[in-house]
Amino acid sequence: MTWPNMKTALTTFREGIPSQDVCPLWSPATYPPGSRRRKANVIIVSCLVYDVDDGTRWGDAFRQFGGWRFIIHTTWSHTRAIPRWRIVFPLAEPIPADEWEDAYRCALDLWGALMPSGSKPDTQCSDQSRAYYLPAHREGQDRFSAVNETNTLLSLPGRRRKPVHRIPGARGTDRGGNHRDRRPLERGRGRQTERQRREAFDTDRDLRMQVAQSSGATIRDGRADNGTCPKCGRRSTWFYVDPLNNWTGAACKHQNSCGWRGNLAEIADAVHMRTDNVVPLLVAK
């Protein structure tokens, strides 16, 4: 489904529907031609969906997730007293079905880090074959839909990567079996050098641990919390130390007043962590 078609489908409320059960369904999953909607048949998942039925206000989602593209709409059971709504994020890269469980776990962690304490989406959305009712208006109830039109797509962990550890001066092998030198990068090599440096912060667990320690973060259960934010200066960042099957970026918890999201290299620079010998590694497959 194209983005324009998705916007139309998920912001148009069906009228005169006697019950939700007769409303059309849609699914973010892709299946082989002719196959039935079953978990075992899913090939990829192209959208993250949060169903929110606990009374959390959608205004919080607009403030906290405003940096990413999404569509939000109320659901059949929505009332003014207890808001019930759905937020749909088209993903930067589709997630293979066998990796969706890990990706959705990271999505729940992202929600927990950004949204108000106690707020929790419906975990039944973790089923990659789940289908969702298109918006429908129940007579006598309020309705709401909106589109956050930005070019930035949410990125969840995709294909599994092997753990990476820095070995200064070592030699590695690229995908073609060719040896490639892993010596420290030289200064002054322009954009390519900076891109490789940022990739190192995305993939190197030891380097990420060093950022956590240098920024004063508290490390618990593989996650670094309350480190220094490079934008607002508060002790408010969070990120995963181990990049394997996790979101590799970092974010400030104050998404309303600050809104920073970025690469760990930015935190390292903000706390003046020495990175002269950062080495981007190519992992042999």
Protein backbone atom coordinates (compact mmCIF):
# COMPACT_ATOMS: atom_id res chain seq x y z
CA MET A 1 0.00 0.00 0.00
CA THR A 2 1.39 3.41 -0.95
CA TRP A 3 1.63 6.20 1.62
CA PRO A 4 -1.15 8.28 -0.04
CA ASN A 5 -3.45 5.23 -0.11
CA MET A 6 -2.62 4.42 3.50
CA LYS A 7 -3.47 7.96 4.58
CA THR A 8 -6.83 7.75 2.85
CA ALA A 9 -7.66 4.29 4.21
CA LEU A 10 -6.74 5.07 7.81
CA THR A 11 -8.30 8.53 8.11
CA THR A 12 -11.64 7.80 6.41
CA PHE A 13 -14.31 6.65 8.87
CA ARG A 14 -16.91 4.16 7.63
CA GLU A 15 -20.41 5.36 8.44
CA GLY A 16 -23.56 3.38 9.15
CA ILE A 17 -21.69 0.30 10.35
CA PRO A 18 -23.97 -1.71 12.70
CA SER A 19 -21.04 -3.44 14.41
CA GLN A 20 -17.28 -3.55 14.17
CA ASP A 21 -17.40 -7.16 12.97
CA VAL A 22 -18.64 -6.12 9.52
CA CYS A 23 -15.94 -3.48 9.06
CA PRO A 24 -13.15 -4.28 6.53
CA LEU A 25 -9.74 -5.39 7.82
CA TRP A 26 -6.21 -4.48 6.80
CA SER A 27 -2.83 -5.97 7.72
CA PRO A 28 0.75 -4.62 7.68
CA ALA A 29 2.01 -8.15 6.89
CA THR A 30 2.90 -9.53 3.47
CA TYR A 31 1.94 -13.12 2.57
CA PRO A 32 2.72 -15.44 -0.34
CA PRO A 33 0.10 -15.24 -3.11
CA GLY A 34 -2.89 -17.44 -2.38
CA SER A 35 -1.94 -18.14 1.24
CA ARG A 36 -4.16 -17.65 4.27
CA ARG A 37 -3.60 -15.11 7.04
CA ARG A 38 -1.60 -17.19 9.48
CA LYS A 39 1.45 -16.38 11.58
CA ALA A 40 3.48 -19.09 9.84
CA ASN A 41 2.75 -17.58 6.41
CA VAL A 42 3.97 -14.03 7.09
CA ILE A 43 6.97 -12.95 5.02
CA ILE A 44 7.57 -9.40 6.27
CA VAL A 45 5.89 -6.74 8.41
CA SER A 46 5.99 -3.20 7.02
CA CYS A 47 4.29 -1.15 9.78
CA LEU A 48 4.41 -0.90 13.55
CA VAL A 49 0.97 -0.61 15.14
CA TYR A 50 0.22 0.38 18.71
CA ASP A 51 -3.35 -0.20 19.93
CA VAL A 52 -4.05 1.96 22.98
CA ASP A 53 -7.05 1.07 25.15
CA ASP A 54 -5.92 2.17 28.62
CA GLY A 55 -7.15 5.78 28.47
CA THR A 56 -3.80 7.31 27.46
CA ARG A 57 -4.37 10.59 25.58
CA TRP A 58 -3.21 10.70 21.97
CA GLY A 59 -1.75 14.15 22.52
CA ASP A 60 1.08 12.47 24.43
CA ALA A 61 1.87 10.39 21.35
CA PHE A 62 1.95 13.48 19.14
CA ARG A 63 4.46 15.13 21.46
CA GLN A 64 6.67 12.10 22.00
CA PHE A 65 6.63 10.47 18.54
CA GLY A 66 6.42 13.68 16.54
CA GLY A 67 9.78 13.13 14.88
CA TRP A 68 8.48 10.12 12.92
CA ARG A 69 5.82 9.68 10.27
CA PHE A 70 2.58 8.16 11.54
CA ILE A 71 -1.20 8.02 11.24
CA ILE A 72 -3.45 8.07 14.29
CA HIS A 73 -7.17 7.37 14.54
CA THR A 74 -9.75 6.49 17.16
CA THR A 75 -11.14 2.94 17.20
CA TRP A 76 -14.68 1.57 17.44
CA SER A 77 -14.67 1.38 21.25
CA HIS A 78 -13.43 4.95 21.76
CA THR A 79 -15.33 7.21 24.15
CA ARG A 80 -14.65 10.69 25.42
CA ALA A 81 -14.19 9.32 28.95
CA ILE A 82 -11.81 6.54 27.90
CA PRO A 83 -9.89 7.35 24.71
CA ARG A 84 -9.13 4.30 22.57
CA TRP A 85 -7.01 4.78 19.49
CA ARG A 86 -4.44 3.31 17.15
CA ILE A 87 -1.16 4.75 15.88
CA VAL A 88 0.47 3.30 12.77
CA PHE A 89 4.12 3.86 11.81
CA PRO A 90 5.31 2.89 8.31
CA LEU A 91 8.76 1.39 8.85
CA ALA A 92 11.96 2.51 7.15
CA GLU A 93 12.70 -1.15 6.38
CA PRO A 94 10.26 -4.08 6.55
CA ILE A 95 10.99 -6.60 9.30
CA PRO A 96 11.35 -10.30 8.35
CA ALA A 97 8.74 -12.41 10.11
CA ASP A 98 11.24 -14.45 12.12
CA GLU A 99 12.67 -11.23 13.60
CA TRP A 100 9.38 -9.53 14.43
CA GLU A 101 9.28 -10.73 18.05
CA ASP A 102 12.61 -9.02 18.82
CA ALA A 103 11.57 -5.91 16.87
CA TYR A 104 8.29 -5.61 18.74
CA ARG A 105 10.04 -6.02 22.08
CA CYS A 106 12.18 -3.00 21.15
CA ALA A 107 9.01 -1.15 20.09
CA LEU A 108 7.53 -1.72 23.56
CA ASP A 109 10.75 -0.46 25.15
CA LEU A 110 10.57 2.65 22.97
CA TRP A 111 6.98 3.25 24.10
CA GLY A 112 7.95 2.77 27.73
CA ALA A 113 10.82 5.24 27.44
CA LEU A 114 8.83 8.01 25.75
CA MET A 115 5.24 7.73 26.96
CA PRO A 116 3.86 8.52 30.43
CA SER A 117 4.56 6.06 33.23
CA GLY A 118 1.91 3.34 33.43
CA SER A 119 0.84 3.73 29.81
CA LYS A 120 1.00 0.48 27.85
CA PRO A 121 -0.25 -0.52 24.39
CA ASP A 122 -2.12 -3.76 23.71
CA THR A 123 0.54 -6.49 23.47
CA GLN A 124 -1.64 -8.60 21.15
CA CYS A 125 -0.17 -6.45 18.39
CA SER A 126 3.03 -8.47 18.80
CA ASP A 127 1.41 -11.11 16.56
CA GLN A 128 2.85 -10.39 13.11
CA SER A 129 -0.26 -11.82 11.41
CA ARG A 130 -2.66 -9.55 13.29
CA ALA A 131 -5.22 -7.72 11.17
CA TYR A 132 -6.86 -4.42 12.13
CA TYR A 133 -10.29 -2.93 11.47
CA LEU A 134 -10.36 0.12 9.27
CA PRO A 135 -11.71 3.25 11.03
CA ALA A 136 -15.46 3.22 11.61
CA HIS A 137 -17.68 5.73 13.38
CA ARG A 138 -20.09 4.47 16.03
CA GLU A 139 -23.17 6.66 16.19
CA GLY A 140 -23.16 9.07 19.10
CA GLN A 141 -19.40 8.85 19.74
CA ASP A 142 -16.55 11.22 18.99
CA ARG A 143 -13.97 10.39 16.36
CA PHE A 144 -10.52 11.68 15.53
CA SER A 145 -7.81 11.05 12.94
CA ALA A 146 -4.61 12.83 11.97
CA VAL A 147 -1.43 12.36 9.96
CA ASN A 148 2.03 13.34 11.11
CA GLU A 149 3.52 14.18 7.73
CA THR A 150 7.30 13.98 8.07
CA ASN A 151 9.95 12.34 5.91
CA THR A 152 11.50 10.43 8.81
CA LEU A 153 10.36 6.80 9.05
CA LEU A 154 10.65 4.76 12.23
CA SER A 155 13.45 2.22 12.12
CA LEU A 156 13.23 -0.97 14.20
CA PRO A 157 15.90 -3.68 14.41
CA GLY A 158 16.07 -5.49 11.11
CA ARG A 159 18.29 -8.29 10.04
CA ARG A 160 20.28 -9.87 12.81
CA ARG A 161 23.87 -8.77 13.20
CA LYS A 162 26.66 -10.53 14.95
CA PRO A 163 28.10 -8.88 18.09
CA VAL A 164 31.00 -6.60 17.28
CA HIS A 165 34.01 -5.91 19.47
CA ARG A 166 36.76 -3.42 18.67
CA ILE A 167 40.20 -4.88 18.02
CA PRO A 168 42.56 -2.00 17.16
CA GLY A 169 45.13 -3.01 14.57
CA ALA A 170 43.42 -6.32 13.76
CA ARG A 171 42.50 -7.45 10.27
CA GLY A 172 39.05 -8.63 9.20
CA THR A 173 37.29 -10.16 6.25
CA ASP A 174 34.61 -8.52 4.16
CA ARG A 175 31.64 -10.33 2.65
CA GLY A 176 33.68 -11.30 -0.39
CA GLY A 177 36.30 -13.03 1.74
CA ASN A 178 38.87 -10.27 1.21
CA HIS A 179 41.00 -9.09 4.09
CA ARG A 180 40.46 -5.51 5.05
CA ASP A 181 42.61 -3.45 7.36
CA ARG A 182 40.95 -2.36 10.63
CA ARG A 183 43.51 0.25 11.60
CA PRO A 184 42.26 3.49 13.19
CA LEU A 185 40.77 5.96 10.77
CA GLU A 186 42.88 8.92 9.76
CA ARG A 187 41.63 12.37 10.58
CA GLY A 188 40.46 14.75 7.88
CA ARG A 189 38.97 12.23 5.47
CA GLY A 190 35.65 14.04 5.23
CA ARG A 191 32.14 12.64 5.15
CA GLN A 192 33.18 9.03 4.64
CA THR A 193 35.21 9.15 7.86
CA GLU A 194 32.30 10.56 9.84
CA ARG A 195 29.86 8.03 8.39
CA GLN A 196 32.16 5.17 9.33
CA ARG A 197 32.62 6.64 12.79
CA ARG A 198 28.86 6.73 13.35
CA GLU A 199 28.55 3.15 12.09
CA ALA A 200 31.10 2.13 14.71
CA PHE A 201 28.91 3.60 17.45
CA ASP A 202 25.96 1.67 15.98
CA THR A 203 27.69 -1.72 15.97
CA ASP A 204 30.45 -1.82 18.60
CA ARG A 205 29.24 -2.98 22.01
CA ASP A 206 32.46 -2.00 23.82
CA LEU A 207 32.28 1.49 22.38
CA ARG A 208 28.63 1.84 23.39
CA MET A 209 29.52 0.76 26.94
CA GLN A 210 32.21 3.43 26.99
CA VAL A 211 29.63 6.07 25.96
CA ALA A 212 27.32 4.92 28.76
CA GLN A 213 30.07 5.20 31.35
CA SER A 214 31.40 8.53 30.04
CA SER A 215 27.94 10.11 30.01
CA GLY A 216 27.17 9.03 33.56
CA ALA A 217 24.36 6.68 32.56
CA THR A 218 23.02 3.94 34.82
CA ILE A 219 23.30 0.54 33.17
CA ARG A 220 20.68 -2.07 33.98
CA ASP A 221 19.43 -5.10 32.04
CA GLY A 222 21.48 -4.11 29.00
CA ARG A 223 20.09 -0.57 28.83
CA ALA A 224 21.82 2.73 29.61
CA ASP A 225 19.54 5.30 31.24
CA ASN A 226 19.87 8.90 32.41
CA GLY A 227 23.06 9.83 30.61
CA THR A 228 23.85 13.36 29.44
CA CYS A 229 21.74 14.62 26.53
CA PRO A 230 23.84 16.37 23.84
CA LYS A 231 21.03 18.85 23.14
CA CYS A 232 19.49 19.90 26.46
CA GLY A 233 22.34 18.84 28.78
CA ARG A 234 20.06 17.00 31.19
CA ARG A 235 20.67 13.48 32.48
CA SER A 236 17.89 12.08 30.35
CA THR A 237 19.14 9.87 27.49
CA TRP A 238 18.56 6.16 27.00
CA PHE A 239 19.94 3.55 24.63
CA TYR A 240 20.75 -0.15 24.43
CA VAL A 241 24.34 -1.11 25.21
CA ASP A 242 24.22 -4.27 23.10
CA PRO A 243 23.35 -3.42 19.48
CA LEU A 244 22.44 -7.01 18.62
CA ASN A 245 18.72 -7.09 17.66
CA ASN A 246 18.13 -3.74 19.35
CA TRP A 247 17.52 -0.16 18.27
CA THR A 248 21.01 1.30 17.83
CA GLY A 249 20.15 4.97 18.29
CA ALA A 250 19.70 7.03 21.43
CA ALA A 251 17.00 9.46 22.57
CA CYS A 252 16.25 12.04 25.20
CA LYS A 253 13.32 11.16 27.45
CA HIS A 254 12.13 14.77 27.31
CA GLN A 255 10.66 14.53 23.83
CA ASN A 256 8.31 17.45 24.43
CA SER A 257 10.81 20.06 25.62
CA CYS A 258 13.97 18.69 23.98
CA GLY A 259 13.15 16.06 21.34
CA TRP A 260 16.70 14.88 20.65
CA ARG A 261 17.21 11.54 18.89
CA GLY A 262 20.44 10.56 17.26
CA ASN A 263 23.66 8.59 17.11
CA LEU A 264 25.78 7.77 20.16
CA ALA A 265 28.63 9.71 18.55
CA GLU A 266 26.76 12.90 19.45
CA ILE A 267 26.71 11.91 23.12
CA ALA A 268 30.41 11.03 22.99
CA ASP A 269 31.20 14.47 21.56
CA ALA A 270 29.02 16.23 24.14
CA VAL A 271 30.82 14.60 27.08
CA HIS A 272 34.25 15.00 25.40
CA MET A 273 34.86 11.27 25.22
CA ARG A 274 38.07 10.50 23.39
CA THR A 275 37.29 8.70 20.11
CA ASP A 276 40.53 9.04 18.19
CA ASN A 277 40.84 5.30 17.77
CA VAL A 278 37.26 4.44 16.88
CA VAL A 279 37.45 1.64 14.35
CA PRO A 280 34.50 0.64 12.16
CA LEU A 281 34.54 -3.14 11.71
CA LEU A 282 33.31 -5.29 8.87
CA VAL A 283 31.83 -8.48 10.31
CA ALA A 284 32.46 -11.67 8.39
CA LYS A 285 29.19 -13.41 7.53
